[in-house]
């Protein structure tokens, strides 16, 4: 496989993940090939079981491919050692989950500090960075509050701040607005896009919501573990222009 160029952060080729279930082979992901530009927002859409979360897990090195490869900033994840995979998760990737996954006994600021503890950032620097990020997500006034003292939207903003703690190149978001009402969903999505633009972070986001996917630069439609089609912003613009001329 060719290495990633300067504009490409993710390059997958023939990426597959198969499982054994009851004596049969389940093809959760089957020979998927795609690329993602640095600083872009790619949405993964499809029905349940289409392979969206499997793909996200492979990019985040929470799982290994059965076949094929995926390069992140030129590094092969299929060939990476376990230590390299750990460092990839800690230093290069920020995870955002539908259920927030905050530690209930810690305050908002302490939750944001957790990823920095894993990379040996000093206590003073951790606290300063956590407060900086909470300020950016408009929650500095709630820094000492625990998850059960915050609303769903506030918890997700804390989770976003935590994901940004180690200045990742990639944000991997699995249904980040799935547990939120429509007004809060819009606010969280706008915040994510703002952070992506300001920090030049690349985001891969799983969603069932076409309105959320419509904000992406690229939409990868998955069906039965394969790519059904890839929709890009330029293609949308071209379609609009063509329609205007008719």
Protein backbone atom coordinates (compact mmCIF):
# COMPACT_ATOMS: atom_id res chain seq x y z
CA UNK A 1 0.00 0.00 0.00
CA UNK A 2 1.11 3.54 -0.72
CA UNK A 3 1.88 5.76 2.24
CA UNK A 4 -0.40 8.66 3.13
CA UNK A 5 0.37 11.98 1.47
CA UNK A 6 0.36 15.28 3.35
CA UNK A 7 -3.36 15.83 2.76
CA UNK A 8 -4.44 12.31 3.74
CA UNK A 9 -4.52 11.18 7.36
CA UNK A 10 -6.38 7.87 6.96
CA UNK A 11 -5.84 5.43 4.10
CA UNK A 12 -7.60 2.05 4.20
CA UNK A 13 -7.23 -0.63 1.55
CA UNK A 14 -9.02 -3.97 1.49
CA UNK A 15 -9.79 -3.55 5.19
CA UNK A 16 -11.68 -6.56 6.57
CA UNK A 17 -12.81 -7.90 9.93
CA UNK A 18 -14.31 -11.40 10.12
CA UNK A 19 -15.66 -13.25 13.16
CA UNK A 20 -16.53 -16.87 13.85
CA UNK A 21 -20.10 -17.28 15.09
CA UNK A 22 -21.75 -20.67 15.45
CA UNK A 23 -19.44 -22.28 12.93
CA UNK A 24 -20.06 -19.53 10.36
CA UNK A 25 -17.91 -16.60 9.28
CA UNK A 26 -19.50 -13.20 9.90
CA UNK A 27 -18.05 -10.49 7.68
CA UNK A 28 -18.45 -7.41 9.87
CA UNK A 29 -16.26 -5.47 7.45
CA UNK A 30 -15.37 -6.82 4.02
CA UNK A 31 -12.65 -5.37 1.76
CA UNK A 32 -13.27 -1.69 2.51
CA UNK A 33 -11.11 0.92 0.76
CA UNK A 34 -11.31 4.67 1.42
CA UNK A 35 -9.27 7.71 2.43
CA UNK A 36 -9.88 10.67 4.73
CA UNK A 37 -8.32 14.10 4.28
CA UNK A 38 -6.52 15.76 7.15
CA UNK A 39 -8.78 18.20 8.99
CA UNK A 40 -11.92 16.73 7.44
CA UNK A 41 -15.21 15.55 8.93
CA UNK A 42 -16.30 12.12 7.70
CA UNK A 43 -19.62 10.58 8.72
CA UNK A 44 -20.14 6.79 8.74
CA UNK A 45 -23.79 5.93 8.14
CA UNK A 46 -25.76 2.74 7.65
CA UNK A 47 -28.19 0.41 9.37
CA UNK A 48 -27.29 -1.54 12.52
CA UNK A 49 -24.78 -4.25 11.64
CA UNK A 50 -23.48 -2.41 8.58
CA UNK A 51 -19.93 -2.20 9.97
CA UNK A 52 -19.79 1.40 11.23
CA UNK A 53 -18.62 0.71 14.78
CA UNK A 54 -16.30 -2.07 13.60
CA UNK A 55 -14.58 0.41 11.29
CA UNK A 56 -14.30 2.98 14.07
CA UNK A 57 -12.77 0.36 16.38
CA UNK A 58 -10.17 -0.58 13.77
CA UNK A 59 -9.13 3.05 13.29
CA UNK A 60 -8.89 3.44 17.07
CA UNK A 61 -6.91 0.18 17.43
CA UNK A 62 -9.55 -1.26 19.75
CA UNK A 63 -9.59 -4.21 17.33
CA UNK A 64 -7.29 -5.71 14.68
CA UNK A 65 -8.18 -6.30 11.01
CA UNK A 66 -8.48 -9.84 9.66
CA UNK A 67 -7.14 -8.69 6.28
CA UNK A 68 -6.08 -5.53 4.54
CA UNK A 69 -4.47 -2.55 6.21
CA UNK A 70 -5.11 0.95 7.40
CA UNK A 71 -2.50 3.71 7.55
CA UNK A 72 -2.80 6.58 10.01
CA UNK A 73 -0.36 9.38 9.20
CA UNK A 74 1.64 6.82 7.24
CA UNK A 75 1.82 4.22 10.03
CA UNK A 76 0.39 0.75 9.37
CA UNK A 77 -1.99 -0.26 12.15
CA UNK A 78 -2.14 -3.87 10.92
CA UNK A 79 1.63 -4.20 11.39
CA UNK A 80 1.89 -2.10 14.55
CA UNK A 81 3.17 -3.66 17.77
CA UNK A 82 0.91 -3.65 20.82
CA UNK A 83 2.95 -0.81 22.34
CA UNK A 84 2.57 1.23 19.15
CA UNK A 85 -1.17 0.60 19.22
CA UNK A 86 -1.38 1.79 22.82
CA UNK A 87 0.56 4.96 21.99
CA UNK A 88 -1.70 5.53 18.96
CA UNK A 89 -4.78 5.47 21.23
CA UNK A 90 -3.20 7.67 23.89
CA UNK A 91 -1.51 10.32 21.77
CA UNK A 92 -3.19 10.38 18.37
CA UNK A 93 -6.85 9.57 19.05
CA UNK A 94 -9.65 11.12 21.10
CA UNK A 95 -12.77 9.01 21.70
CA UNK A 96 -16.31 10.34 22.16
CA UNK A 97 -19.11 7.92 23.10
CA UNK A 98 -22.89 8.08 23.03
CA UNK A 99 -23.09 7.25 26.75
CA UNK A 100 -20.34 9.79 27.65
CA UNK A 101 -18.27 7.19 29.63
CA UNK A 102 -17.32 9.70 32.31
CA UNK A 103 -16.05 8.47 35.69
CA UNK A 104 -18.94 9.22 38.10
CA UNK A 105 -16.77 9.81 41.17
CA UNK A 106 -14.64 12.49 39.44
CA UNK A 107 -15.48 16.12 38.76
CA UNK A 108 -15.73 17.49 35.24
CA UNK A 109 -12.18 18.87 35.45
CA UNK A 110 -10.82 15.61 36.83
CA UNK A 111 -12.49 13.64 34.04
CA UNK A 112 -10.79 15.86 31.46
CA UNK A 113 -7.45 15.25 33.19
CA UNK A 114 -7.65 11.44 32.93
CA UNK A 115 -6.11 11.03 29.41
CA UNK A 116 -3.23 13.32 30.39
CA UNK A 117 -2.43 11.11 33.38
CA UNK A 118 -1.79 8.26 30.93
CA UNK A 119 0.78 10.36 29.06
CA UNK A 120 2.56 11.56 32.21
CA UNK A 121 1.59 15.23 31.96
CA UNK A 122 2.43 17.07 35.18
CA UNK A 123 -0.34 17.86 37.68
CA UNK A 124 -0.18 21.64 37.22
CA UNK A 125 -0.22 21.32 33.42
CA UNK A 126 -3.12 18.86 33.57
CA UNK A 127 -5.24 21.19 35.66
CA UNK A 128 -4.48 24.18 33.44
CA UNK A 129 -5.27 22.23 30.27
CA UNK A 130 -8.50 20.83 31.74
CA UNK A 131 -9.73 24.30 32.71
CA UNK A 132 -8.73 25.68 29.30
CA UNK A 133 -10.75 22.98 27.54
CA UNK A 134 -13.76 23.33 29.83
CA UNK A 135 -13.72 27.04 29.07
CA UNK A 136 -13.69 26.27 25.34
CA UNK A 137 -16.76 24.05 25.70
CA UNK A 138 -18.43 26.73 27.87
CA UNK A 139 -18.33 24.73 31.11
CA UNK A 140 -15.65 26.42 33.21
CA UNK A 141 -18.35 27.32 35.75
CA UNK A 142 -19.15 23.60 36.17
CA UNK A 143 -15.57 22.34 36.55
CA UNK A 144 -16.09 21.01 40.08
CA UNK A 145 -19.41 19.30 39.33
CA UNK A 146 -19.69 15.53 38.99
CA UNK A 147 -21.52 13.84 36.08
CA UNK A 148 -24.72 13.28 38.08
CA UNK A 149 -24.88 17.04 38.70
CA UNK A 150 -24.74 17.84 34.99
CA UNK A 151 -27.26 17.58 32.15
CA UNK A 152 -26.79 15.19 29.24
CA UNK A 153 -25.54 17.97 27.00
CA UNK A 154 -23.09 19.16 29.66
CA UNK A 155 -21.77 15.63 30.16
CA UNK A 156 -21.18 15.30 26.43
CA UNK A 157 -19.32 18.60 26.38
CA UNK A 158 -17.12 17.33 29.22
CA UNK A 159 -16.53 14.17 27.16
CA UNK A 160 -15.55 16.29 24.15
CA UNK A 161 -13.11 18.28 26.30
CA UNK A 162 -11.64 15.00 27.58
CA UNK A 163 -11.24 13.72 24.02
CA UNK A 164 -9.26 16.86 23.12
CA UNK A 165 -7.00 16.69 26.19
CA UNK A 166 -3.91 15.22 24.50
CA UNK A 167 -4.30 17.31 21.33
CA UNK A 168 -5.25 14.35 19.13
CA UNK A 169 -4.99 14.28 15.35
CA UNK A 170 -8.17 12.19 15.20
CA UNK A 171 -11.54 12.34 16.93
CA UNK A 172 -13.54 9.11 16.78
CA UNK A 173 -17.16 9.72 17.74
CA UNK A 174 -19.71 6.89 18.09
CA UNK A 175 -23.24 8.39 18.01
CA UNK A 176 -22.13 11.40 20.11
CA UNK A 177 -25.56 13.07 19.83
CA UNK A 178 -27.63 9.88 20.12
CA UNK A 179 -28.74 10.52 23.72
CA UNK A 180 -29.47 14.23 23.28
CA UNK A 181 -32.60 16.20 22.40
CA UNK A 182 -32.63 18.03 19.07
CA UNK A 183 -31.67 21.44 20.50
CA UNK A 184 -28.75 20.02 22.50
CA UNK A 185 -27.73 17.86 19.55
CA UNK A 186 -27.37 20.95 17.37
CA UNK A 187 -25.33 22.77 20.03
CA UNK A 188 -22.97 19.81 20.52
CA UNK A 189 -22.52 19.34 16.77
CA UNK A 190 -21.76 23.02 16.27
CA UNK A 191 -19.21 22.83 19.10
CA UNK A 192 -17.50 19.82 17.53
CA UNK A 193 -17.24 21.53 14.15
CA UNK A 194 -15.86 24.67 15.83
CA UNK A 195 -13.15 22.65 17.59
CA UNK A 196 -12.27 20.77 14.39
CA UNK A 197 -11.83 24.03 12.52
CA UNK A 198 -9.80 25.74 15.24
CA UNK A 199 -7.50 22.79 15.98
CA UNK A 200 -7.38 21.18 12.51
CA UNK A 201 -8.50 17.87 13.99
CA UNK A 202 -9.93 15.13 11.75
CA UNK A 203 -13.22 13.52 12.83
CA UNK A 204 -14.77 10.17 11.98
CA UNK A 205 -18.33 10.12 13.32
CA UNK A 206 -20.83 7.25 13.40
CA UNK A 207 -24.45 8.35 13.15
CA UNK A 208 -27.93 7.13 12.22
CA UNK A 209 -29.13 10.72 11.85
CA UNK A 210 -29.04 12.09 8.27
CA UNK A 211 -29.19 15.65 9.62
CA UNK A 212 -25.98 15.07 11.57
CA UNK A 213 -24.30 13.37 8.59
CA UNK A 214 -25.26 16.30 6.35
CA UNK A 215 -22.71 18.50 8.19
CA UNK A 216 -19.81 16.24 7.12
CA UNK A 217 -17.35 16.86 4.28
CA UNK A 218 -17.60 13.19 3.34
CA UNK A 219 -20.27 10.56 4.01
CA UNK A 220 -19.35 6.87 3.80
CA UNK A 221 -22.48 4.77 3.37
CA UNK A 222 -21.99 1.21 4.66
CA UNK A 223 -24.17 -1.81 3.97
CA UNK A 224 -23.50 -5.40 5.13
CA UNK A 225 -19.84 -4.65 5.88
CA UNK A 226 -19.10 -3.03 2.55
CA UNK A 227 -19.06 0.52 1.23
CA UNK A 228 -22.27 1.15 -0.67
CA UNK A 229 -21.14 4.59 -1.81
CA UNK A 230 -19.04 7.57 -0.75
CA UNK A 231 -20.62 11.00 -0.91
CA UNK A 232 -18.42 14.09 -0.87
CA UNK A 233 -19.21 17.76 -0.33
CA UNK A 234 -17.98 18.62 -3.84
CA UNK A 235 -20.39 16.05 -5.28
CA UNK A 236 -23.26 17.63 -3.32
CA UNK A 237 -22.32 21.07 -4.65
CA UNK A 238 -22.08 19.73 -8.19
CA UNK A 239 -25.54 18.15 -7.87
CA UNK A 240 -26.99 21.46 -6.65
CA UNK A 241 -25.37 23.35 -9.54
CA UNK A 242 -26.70 20.85 -12.07
CA UNK A 243 -30.17 21.15 -10.60
CA UNK A 244 -30.06 24.94 -10.82
CA UNK A 245 -29.21 24.78 -14.51
CA UNK A 246 -32.18 22.54 -15.38
